[in-house]
Amino acid sequence: MSGWDFTPRFEGRGLSFAPVDLNTNLWVYEKNFAHFAALLGLKGEPDWEARAHERKRAIDAHLWNPQRGLYLDHDFVLGRPGRVACAVTFWPLWAGLASPEQARAVAEHLSLFEQAHGFGACEPTPADLRTPRSMQWD
């Protein structure tokens, strides 16, 4: 994992989730590989642009949550969005992956992460997921 393992975002089951940040990074890499393959005239490379397109489709289908207007990690074991939003919801905006409508929806939720002493990594954790470590992240 990435250091986020012990945050409430993965509900104590980090290996059960497809993370927003990882999939956004992979999309960026695929777009970069497509650009460099074209720039260098490389033949026989995988179709990186097609891979990026398919990943964006999967991100929109599984990580974009229109009800909440946020990108949420996807619990592929339970087949549902994660219950705790975290600041990585902004990652697709940074990458240029979000549509203008998705970017506006996410931006409207900035206050979810604003805390008394700064910007929280995660939104406040639901009571049933809280642990003694929760305050470090939410």
N, C-alpha and C. Protein backbone atom coordinates (compact mmCIF):
# COMPACT_ATOMS: atom_id res chain seq x y z
N MET A 1 0.84 -1.17 0.00
CA MET A 1 0.00 0.00 0.00
C MET A 1 0.89 1.24 0.00
N SER A 2 0.35 2.37 0.38
CA SER A 2 1.06 3.63 0.18
C SER A 2 1.25 4.46 1.43
N GLY A 3 1.04 3.91 2.60
CA GLY A 3 1.08 4.71 3.81
C GLY A 3 -0.32 5.10 4.26
N TRP A 4 -1.28 4.91 3.38
CA TRP A 4 -2.69 5.20 3.70
C TRP A 4 -3.35 3.97 4.34
N ASP A 5 -2.62 2.89 4.48
CA ASP A 5 -3.18 1.62 4.93
C ASP A 5 -4.00 1.73 6.21
N PHE A 6 -3.55 2.54 7.14
CA PHE A 6 -4.18 2.58 8.45
C PHE A 6 -5.14 3.75 8.61
N THR A 7 -5.52 4.37 7.52
CA THR A 7 -6.51 5.44 7.59
C THR A 7 -7.89 4.81 7.55
N PRO A 8 -8.90 5.57 7.93
CA PRO A 8 -10.25 5.02 7.87
C PRO A 8 -10.76 4.84 6.44
N ARG A 9 -10.06 5.38 5.47
CA ARG A 9 -10.57 5.30 4.09
C ARG A 9 -10.72 3.87 3.60
N PHE A 10 -9.92 2.95 4.09
CA PHE A 10 -10.00 1.55 3.65
C PHE A 10 -10.75 0.66 4.65
N GLU A 11 -11.34 1.27 5.67
CA GLU A 11 -12.20 0.56 6.61
C GLU A 11 -11.52 -0.65 7.24
N GLY A 12 -10.20 -0.57 7.41
CA GLY A 12 -9.45 -1.66 8.02
C GLY A 12 -9.20 -2.84 7.10
N ARG A 13 -9.50 -2.68 5.79
CA ARG A 13 -9.35 -3.78 4.84
C ARG A 13 -8.71 -3.24 3.55
N GLY A 14 -7.50 -2.74 3.67
CA GLY A 14 -6.84 -2.07 2.56
C GLY A 14 -6.73 -2.87 1.28
N LEU A 15 -6.59 -4.18 1.39
CA LEU A 15 -6.42 -5.00 0.18
C LEU A 15 -7.73 -5.28 -0.53
N SER A 16 -8.83 -4.78 -0.01
CA SER A 16 -10.15 -4.99 -0.61
C SER A 16 -10.60 -3.82 -1.47
N PHE A 17 -9.75 -2.81 -1.61
CA PHE A 17 -10.16 -1.58 -2.28
C PHE A 17 -9.32 -1.27 -3.52
N ALA A 18 -9.98 -0.72 -4.53
CA ALA A 18 -9.31 -0.11 -5.68
C ALA A 18 -9.22 1.38 -5.37
N PRO A 19 -8.01 1.90 -5.10
CA PRO A 19 -7.85 3.29 -4.67
C PRO A 19 -7.94 4.30 -5.81
N VAL A 20 -8.49 5.45 -5.49
CA VAL A 20 -8.60 6.55 -6.45
C VAL A 20 -7.22 7.02 -6.90
N ASP A 21 -6.31 7.23 -5.94
CA ASP A 21 -5.00 7.77 -6.29
C ASP A 21 -4.19 6.82 -7.16
N LEU A 22 -4.18 5.55 -6.84
CA LEU A 22 -3.45 4.57 -7.64
C LEU A 22 -3.98 4.54 -9.07
N ASN A 23 -5.29 4.47 -9.24
CA ASN A 23 -5.85 4.38 -10.59
C ASN A 23 -5.67 5.68 -11.37
N THR A 24 -5.71 6.80 -10.68
CA THR A 24 -5.44 8.07 -11.36
C THR A 24 -3.99 8.11 -11.82
N ASN A 25 -3.06 7.70 -10.95
CA ASN A 25 -1.65 7.67 -11.34
C ASN A 25 -1.43 6.74 -12.53
N LEU A 26 -2.06 5.57 -12.53
CA LEU A 26 -1.90 4.64 -13.65
C LEU A 26 -2.42 5.25 -14.95
N TRP A 27 -3.53 5.99 -14.88
CA TRP A 27 -4.06 6.69 -16.07
C TRP A 27 -3.04 7.70 -16.58
N VAL A 28 -2.44 8.47 -15.66
CA VAL A 28 -1.43 9.45 -16.06
C VAL A 28 -0.25 8.75 -16.73
N TYR A 29 0.21 7.64 -16.16
CA TYR A 29 1.32 6.90 -16.76
C TYR A 29 0.95 6.41 -18.16
N GLU A 30 -0.24 5.87 -18.30
CA GLU A 30 -0.67 5.37 -19.62
C GLU A 30 -0.72 6.50 -20.64
N LYS A 31 -1.22 7.66 -20.23
CA LYS A 31 -1.25 8.81 -21.15
C LYS A 31 0.18 9.23 -21.51
N ASN A 32 1.08 9.25 -20.52
CA ASN A 32 2.48 9.61 -20.80
C ASN A 32 3.14 8.60 -21.72
N PHE A 33 2.92 7.31 -21.46
CA PHE A 33 3.50 6.28 -22.33
C PHE A 33 2.99 6.42 -23.76
N ALA A 34 1.71 6.72 -23.93
CA ALA A 34 1.14 6.92 -25.27
C ALA A 34 1.83 8.10 -25.96
N HIS A 35 2.00 9.18 -25.22
CA HIS A 35 2.64 10.38 -25.77
C HIS A 35 4.07 10.07 -26.21
N PHE A 36 4.85 9.43 -25.33
CA PHE A 36 6.24 9.15 -25.65
C PHE A 36 6.39 8.11 -26.75
N ALA A 37 5.52 7.12 -26.79
CA ALA A 37 5.57 6.12 -27.87
C ALA A 37 5.33 6.80 -29.22
N ALA A 38 4.35 7.71 -29.26
CA ALA A 38 4.07 8.44 -30.50
C ALA A 38 5.23 9.37 -30.86
N LEU A 39 5.73 10.10 -29.87
CA LEU A 39 6.82 11.04 -30.09
C LEU A 39 8.08 10.34 -30.61
N LEU A 40 8.36 9.15 -30.09
CA LEU A 40 9.55 8.40 -30.49
C LEU A 40 9.32 7.48 -31.68
N GLY A 41 8.06 7.42 -32.15
CA GLY A 41 7.74 6.57 -33.29
C GLY A 41 7.91 5.09 -32.99
N LEU A 42 7.68 4.70 -31.76
CA LEU A 42 7.85 3.29 -31.37
C LEU A 42 6.72 2.44 -31.95
N LYS A 43 7.09 1.34 -32.52
CA LYS A 43 6.12 0.40 -33.09
C LYS A 43 6.08 -0.84 -32.21
N GLY A 44 4.97 -1.51 -32.20
CA GLY A 44 4.85 -2.74 -31.43
C GLY A 44 4.62 -2.51 -29.95
N GLU A 45 4.42 -1.25 -29.57
CA GLU A 45 4.12 -0.95 -28.17
C GLU A 45 2.67 -1.32 -27.88
N PRO A 46 2.35 -1.55 -26.64
CA PRO A 46 0.92 -1.70 -26.32
C PRO A 46 0.20 -0.41 -26.73
N ASP A 47 -1.09 -0.50 -26.95
CA ASP A 47 -1.88 0.69 -27.28
C ASP A 47 -2.19 1.42 -25.97
N TRP A 48 -1.24 2.27 -25.57
CA TRP A 48 -1.36 2.95 -24.28
C TRP A 48 -2.54 3.90 -24.23
N GLU A 49 -2.87 4.51 -25.35
CA GLU A 49 -4.02 5.41 -25.38
C GLU A 49 -5.31 4.63 -25.13
N ALA A 50 -5.43 3.45 -25.73
CA ALA A 50 -6.61 2.62 -25.50
C ALA A 50 -6.68 2.16 -24.05
N ARG A 51 -5.53 1.84 -23.47
CA ARG A 51 -5.50 1.44 -22.06
C ARG A 51 -5.94 2.59 -21.16
N ALA A 52 -5.47 3.81 -21.46
CA ALA A 52 -5.87 4.98 -20.69
C ALA A 52 -7.36 5.23 -20.82
N HIS A 53 -7.88 5.08 -22.03
CA HIS A 53 -9.32 5.27 -22.25
C HIS A 53 -10.13 4.25 -21.44
N GLU A 54 -9.71 3.01 -21.44
CA GLU A 54 -10.41 1.97 -20.69
C GLU A 54 -10.31 2.23 -19.18
N ARG A 55 -9.16 2.69 -18.71
CA ARG A 55 -9.02 2.99 -17.29
C ARG A 55 -9.93 4.15 -16.89
N LYS A 56 -10.02 5.19 -17.73
CA LYS A 56 -10.93 6.31 -17.43
C LYS A 56 -12.36 5.81 -17.37
N ARG A 57 -12.74 4.93 -18.27
CA ARG A 57 -14.09 4.38 -18.25
C ARG A 57 -14.32 3.63 -16.93
N ALA A 58 -13.34 2.85 -16.49
CA ALA A 58 -13.48 2.10 -15.24
C ALA A 58 -13.50 3.04 -14.03
N ILE A 59 -12.69 4.08 -14.06
CA ILE A 59 -12.70 5.06 -12.96
C ILE A 59 -14.06 5.73 -12.87
N ASP A 60 -14.61 6.14 -14.00
CA ASP A 60 -15.94 6.77 -14.00
C ASP A 60 -17.01 5.79 -13.53
N ALA A 61 -16.88 4.52 -13.88
CA ALA A 61 -17.88 3.53 -13.50
C ALA A 61 -17.79 3.11 -12.04
N HIS A 62 -16.57 3.01 -11.51
CA HIS A 62 -16.40 2.42 -10.17
C HIS A 62 -15.91 3.38 -9.09
N LEU A 63 -15.21 4.44 -9.46
CA LEU A 63 -14.65 5.34 -8.46
C LEU A 63 -15.39 6.67 -8.37
N TRP A 64 -16.09 7.05 -9.42
CA TRP A 64 -16.88 8.28 -9.37
C TRP A 64 -18.22 7.95 -8.72
N ASN A 65 -18.58 8.71 -7.69
CA ASN A 65 -19.84 8.50 -6.99
C ASN A 65 -20.73 9.71 -7.22
N PRO A 66 -21.66 9.62 -8.17
CA PRO A 66 -22.50 10.79 -8.49
C PRO A 66 -23.42 11.20 -7.35
N GLN A 67 -23.80 10.26 -6.49
CA GLN A 67 -24.66 10.61 -5.36
C GLN A 67 -23.94 11.56 -4.40
N ARG A 68 -22.68 11.31 -4.15
CA ARG A 68 -21.92 12.17 -3.23
C ARG A 68 -21.16 13.27 -3.96
N GLY A 69 -21.00 13.13 -5.28
CA GLY A 69 -20.24 14.12 -6.03
C GLY A 69 -18.76 14.08 -5.71
N LEU A 70 -18.24 12.87 -5.44
CA LEU A 70 -16.85 12.66 -5.06
C LEU A 70 -16.30 11.41 -5.73
N TYR A 71 -14.99 11.36 -5.86
CA TYR A 71 -14.31 10.12 -6.22
C TYR A 71 -14.07 9.38 -4.91
N LEU A 72 -14.50 8.13 -4.85
CA LEU A 72 -14.34 7.30 -3.66
C LEU A 72 -13.64 6.01 -4.03
N ASP A 73 -12.80 5.51 -3.14
CA ASP A 73 -12.19 4.20 -3.35
C ASP A 73 -13.32 3.18 -3.50
N HIS A 74 -13.07 2.14 -4.29
CA HIS A 74 -14.11 1.13 -4.54
C HIS A 74 -13.77 -0.16 -3.80
N ASP A 75 -14.69 -0.59 -2.96
CA ASP A 75 -14.56 -1.86 -2.26
C ASP A 75 -15.01 -2.95 -3.22
N PHE A 76 -14.06 -3.60 -3.88
CA PHE A 76 -14.42 -4.60 -4.89
C PHE A 76 -14.82 -5.93 -4.26
N VAL A 77 -14.53 -6.14 -2.99
CA VAL A 77 -14.97 -7.35 -2.31
C VAL A 77 -16.46 -7.26 -2.00
N LEU A 78 -16.89 -6.11 -1.47
CA LEU A 78 -18.30 -5.91 -1.14
C LEU A 78 -19.09 -5.27 -2.29
N GLY A 79 -18.39 -4.85 -3.33
CA GLY A 79 -19.06 -4.28 -4.49
C GLY A 79 -19.75 -2.95 -4.22
N ARG A 80 -19.05 -2.05 -3.48
CA ARG A 80 -19.66 -0.77 -3.16
C ARG A 80 -18.57 0.29 -2.99
N PRO A 81 -18.98 1.57 -3.03
CA PRO A 81 -17.99 2.63 -2.77
C PRO A 81 -17.54 2.59 -1.32
N GLY A 82 -16.33 3.08 -1.09
CA GLY A 82 -15.86 3.24 0.27
C GLY A 82 -16.75 4.22 1.01
N ARG A 83 -16.77 4.10 2.32
CA ARG A 83 -17.65 4.95 3.13
C ARG A 83 -16.98 6.21 3.63
N VAL A 84 -15.66 6.31 3.47
CA VAL A 84 -14.93 7.47 3.97
C VAL A 84 -14.23 8.16 2.80
N ALA A 85 -14.62 9.40 2.54
CA ALA A 85 -13.97 10.18 1.50
C ALA A 85 -12.65 10.70 2.02
N CYS A 86 -11.68 10.81 1.14
CA CYS A 86 -10.41 11.40 1.54
C CYS A 86 -9.94 12.38 0.48
N ALA A 87 -8.89 13.08 0.81
CA ALA A 87 -8.40 14.16 -0.05
C ALA A 87 -8.00 13.68 -1.44
N VAL A 88 -7.79 12.39 -1.62
CA VAL A 88 -7.45 11.90 -2.96
C VAL A 88 -8.62 12.07 -3.93
N THR A 89 -9.78 12.47 -3.44
CA THR A 89 -10.90 12.78 -4.34
C THR A 89 -10.52 13.90 -5.30
N PHE A 90 -9.51 14.71 -4.92
CA PHE A 90 -9.05 15.81 -5.78
C PHE A 90 -8.00 15.36 -6.81
N TRP A 91 -7.47 14.15 -6.66
CA TRP A 91 -6.41 13.65 -7.55
C TRP A 91 -6.84 13.67 -9.02
N PRO A 92 -8.03 13.17 -9.37
CA PRO A 92 -8.43 13.20 -10.79
C PRO A 92 -8.54 14.61 -11.36
N LEU A 93 -8.78 15.61 -10.51
CA LEU A 93 -8.83 16.99 -10.97
C LEU A 93 -7.42 17.45 -11.34
N TRP A 94 -6.45 17.15 -10.46
CA TRP A 94 -5.05 17.49 -10.74
C TRP A 94 -4.59 16.84 -12.04
N ALA A 95 -4.99 15.59 -12.26
CA ALA A 95 -4.51 14.83 -13.41
C ALA A 95 -5.18 15.24 -14.72
N GLY A 96 -6.28 15.98 -14.65
CA GLY A 96 -7.02 16.33 -15.86
C GLY A 96 -7.95 15.22 -16.31
N LEU A 97 -8.23 14.29 -15.45
CA LEU A 97 -9.09 13.14 -15.77
C LEU A 97 -10.57 13.46 -15.56
N ALA A 98 -10.88 14.31 -14.59
CA ALA A 98 -12.26 14.64 -14.27
C ALA A 98 -12.88 15.50 -15.37
N SER A 99 -14.15 15.27 -15.63
CA SER A 99 -14.89 16.15 -16.55
C SER A 99 -15.12 17.49 -15.83
N PRO A 100 -15.47 18.53 -16.55
CA PRO A 100 -15.78 19.80 -15.87
C PRO A 100 -16.89 19.65 -14.82
N GLU A 101 -17.89 18.84 -15.12
CA GLU A 101 -19.00 18.63 -14.17
C GLU A 101 -18.51 17.91 -12.92
N GLN A 102 -17.68 16.88 -13.10
CA GLN A 102 -17.13 16.15 -11.96
C GLN A 102 -16.25 17.07 -11.13
N ALA A 103 -15.42 17.88 -11.77
CA ALA A 103 -14.53 18.79 -11.06
C ALA A 103 -15.33 19.79 -10.24
N ARG A 104 -16.40 20.33 -10.81
CA ARG A 104 -17.23 21.27 -10.05
C ARG A 104 -17.86 20.60 -8.84
N ALA A 105 -18.37 19.37 -9.02
CA ALA A 105 -19.00 18.64 -7.91
C ALA A 105 -18.00 18.39 -6.79
N VAL A 106 -16.80 17.94 -7.14
CA VAL A 106 -15.77 17.68 -6.12
C VAL A 106 -15.40 18.99 -5.41
N ALA A 107 -15.19 20.04 -6.17
CA ALA A 107 -14.80 21.33 -5.58
C ALA A 107 -15.84 21.83 -4.57
N GLU A 108 -17.09 21.52 -4.81
CA GLU A 108 -18.15 21.94 -3.89
C GLU A 108 -18.06 21.24 -2.53
N HIS A 109 -17.25 20.19 -2.44
CA HIS A 109 -17.14 19.42 -1.20
C HIS A 109 -15.84 19.70 -0.44
N LEU A 110 -15.16 20.75 -0.78
CA LEU A 110 -13.91 21.09 -0.10
C LEU A 110 -14.11 21.18 1.41
N SER A 111 -15.25 21.69 1.83
CA SER A 111 -15.49 21.89 3.26
C SER A 111 -15.52 20.58 4.06
N LEU A 112 -15.73 19.44 3.38
CA LEU A 112 -15.68 18.15 4.07
C LEU A 112 -14.35 17.92 4.77
N PHE A 113 -13.30 18.49 4.23
CA PHE A 113 -11.95 18.24 4.72
C PHE A 113 -11.39 19.38 5.56
N GLU A 114 -12.12 20.48 5.63
CA GLU A 114 -11.66 21.62 6.42
C GLU A 114 -11.95 21.34 7.89
N GLN A 115 -10.90 21.37 8.68
CA GLN A 115 -11.00 21.08 10.11
C GLN A 115 -10.55 22.32 10.89
N ALA A 116 -10.78 22.29 12.18
CA ALA A 116 -10.44 23.43 13.03
C ALA A 116 -8.96 23.81 12.93
N HIS A 117 -8.08 22.84 12.71
CA HIS A 117 -6.64 23.12 12.71
C HIS A 117 -6.00 22.86 11.35
N GLY A 118 -6.78 22.88 10.29
CA GLY A 118 -6.21 22.70 8.97
C GLY A 118 -7.06 21.80 8.09
N PHE A 119 -6.43 21.25 7.10
CA PHE A 119 -7.09 20.41 6.09
C PHE A 119 -6.89 18.95 6.47
N GLY A 120 -7.98 18.23 6.71
CA GLY A 120 -7.89 16.82 7.08
C GLY A 120 -7.67 15.93 5.87
N ALA A 121 -6.96 14.85 6.06
CA ALA A 121 -6.72 13.89 4.98
C ALA A 121 -7.99 13.14 4.62
N CYS A 122 -8.86 12.92 5.62
CA CYS A 122 -10.12 12.22 5.41
C CYS A 122 -11.25 13.01 6.05
N GLU A 123 -12.45 12.78 5.53
CA GLU A 123 -13.61 13.38 6.18
C GLU A 123 -13.79 12.73 7.55
N PRO A 124 -14.55 13.33 8.45
CA PRO A 124 -14.77 12.70 9.75
C PRO A 124 -15.26 11.25 9.58
N THR A 125 -14.67 10.37 10.35
CA THR A 125 -14.94 8.94 10.24
C THR A 125 -16.27 8.58 10.88
N PRO A 126 -17.08 7.76 10.20
CA PRO A 126 -18.31 7.28 10.84
C PRO A 126 -17.99 6.56 12.15
N ALA A 127 -18.88 6.66 13.13
CA ALA A 127 -18.64 6.12 14.47
C ALA A 127 -18.26 4.64 14.45
N ASP A 128 -18.88 3.85 13.59
CA ASP A 128 -18.60 2.40 13.59
C ASP A 128 -17.24 2.05 12.99
N LEU A 129 -16.54 3.01 12.41
CA LEU A 129 -15.20 2.76 11.87
C LEU A 129 -14.10 3.39 12.70
N ARG A 130 -14.45 4.12 13.73
CA ARG A 130 -13.44 4.84 14.52
C ARG A 130 -12.56 3.90 15.31
N THR A 131 -11.28 4.28 15.36
CA THR A 131 -10.29 3.58 16.18
C THR A 131 -9.53 4.65 16.95
N PRO A 132 -8.70 4.28 17.89
CA PRO A 132 -7.90 5.30 18.59
C PRO A 132 -7.02 6.12 17.65
N ARG A 133 -6.69 5.58 16.46
CA ARG A 133 -5.84 6.31 15.52
C ARG A 133 -6.62 7.24 14.60
N SER A 134 -7.93 7.18 14.61
CA SER A 134 -8.72 7.94 13.64
C SER A 134 -8.40 9.43 13.60
N MET A 135 -8.15 10.04 14.75
CA MET A 135 -7.93 11.48 14.78
C MET A 135 -6.71 11.93 13.99
N GLN A 136 -5.75 11.04 13.76
CA GLN A 136 -4.59 11.42 12.96
C GLN A 136 -5.02 11.78 11.54
N TRP A 137 -6.05 11.17 11.04
CA TRP A 137 -6.42 11.31 9.64
C TRP A 137 -7.67 12.14 9.40
N ASP A 138 -8.59 12.16 10.35
CA ASP A 138 -9.86 12.86 10.09
C ASP A 138 -10.10 14.01 11.04
